[in-house]
């Protein structure tokens, strides 16, 4: 089994697109790309060029894939305007009917309408009890000292936000999965599949960042073939949440594709408490997993100081002789674009 990193942030445009190939299957994860933010230290022309180059490479990979996995509906994780690229494939895609915020639900609905046209099967919403997955996390009970009263307040607000989201999900028109004429749609969260000797295991919905992150939910993907495991974390932002690090350690993958924290947002949407959680969680993964390669990239190499800010992780990897690399270092043998400009 081979994992090829098609496009990542370290290549110059936002993405975490990965192609996993076995003798009988080509599995493409998160085939999307988006242009870098205004503060990224490069010209608009360069950022646009990298985005176009990334899109072209992702389209080429999509044309070859048998299975396409879309972990959520941010633009850097799926191509929303080339529906033909998904035909004659099995699409394992984030459930658009639940554990989703309003903006991603709107994007998902538009995507499914374009993808399926008149074939789109919809049923009316109905009342349903949705489990608050945050309540199952051990991290909910963590005490951060002086920050703890503020954390309790934020968690309480988060629970109320979740309850409102759950009310919305009950009222949604439900987009049905299943076999359509030109493709098959599967909502995979919390499920495991066996296809042509390949095991595909998907997490339950995970927060895109901290507990009750308003950014929504994602899922990670574990692909196993003949005992070799590749894990793609999607957008868990570090991971920030300790339970997510525990799950990765329990799976003990051989090849880990882990997205990093948004260091360019440090002090804004990412505070120092949660940033330190990320560092400790990644260090635990490095210490306790027997991986061959750990790719730490998406979200991370978006500003020049990313390596300095996270130096204790890189230093630990070096000390333990563990291979922790950005995508460009692994796939291209080059430093990330942000360290070149």
Foldseek 3Di string as FASTA:
>chain_A
DDKAQLDDVLLQWHARWIWDDDPVFIEIFQLATGFFDPVQPDDPVSSVVSRVSSNVSSLVSLQVGQEYEAFFQDRRRDPQPCLVSQFNHAYAYAFLLDQWADVRNVSVVSSQCVNQPPNWDWAFAADDDDDQVVVVAPQLPDAPPPCRVVSVVVVVVLVVVRVVRNVVSRGDTGTDFADDPTYGYHHQAQHWDADPQKIKGKHHWDDLADRSPSNTTTIKIWIDHPRAIEIAHPRCALVLGLVVLVVCLVVQHQEYEAEHHQPVCEVHPNDPVSNVSSLVSLLCSLVRHPYQEYAYGRNQLRAQCSCVVNVVNVVSCVVVVHHYYHSCCVNVVDGRPSNVD
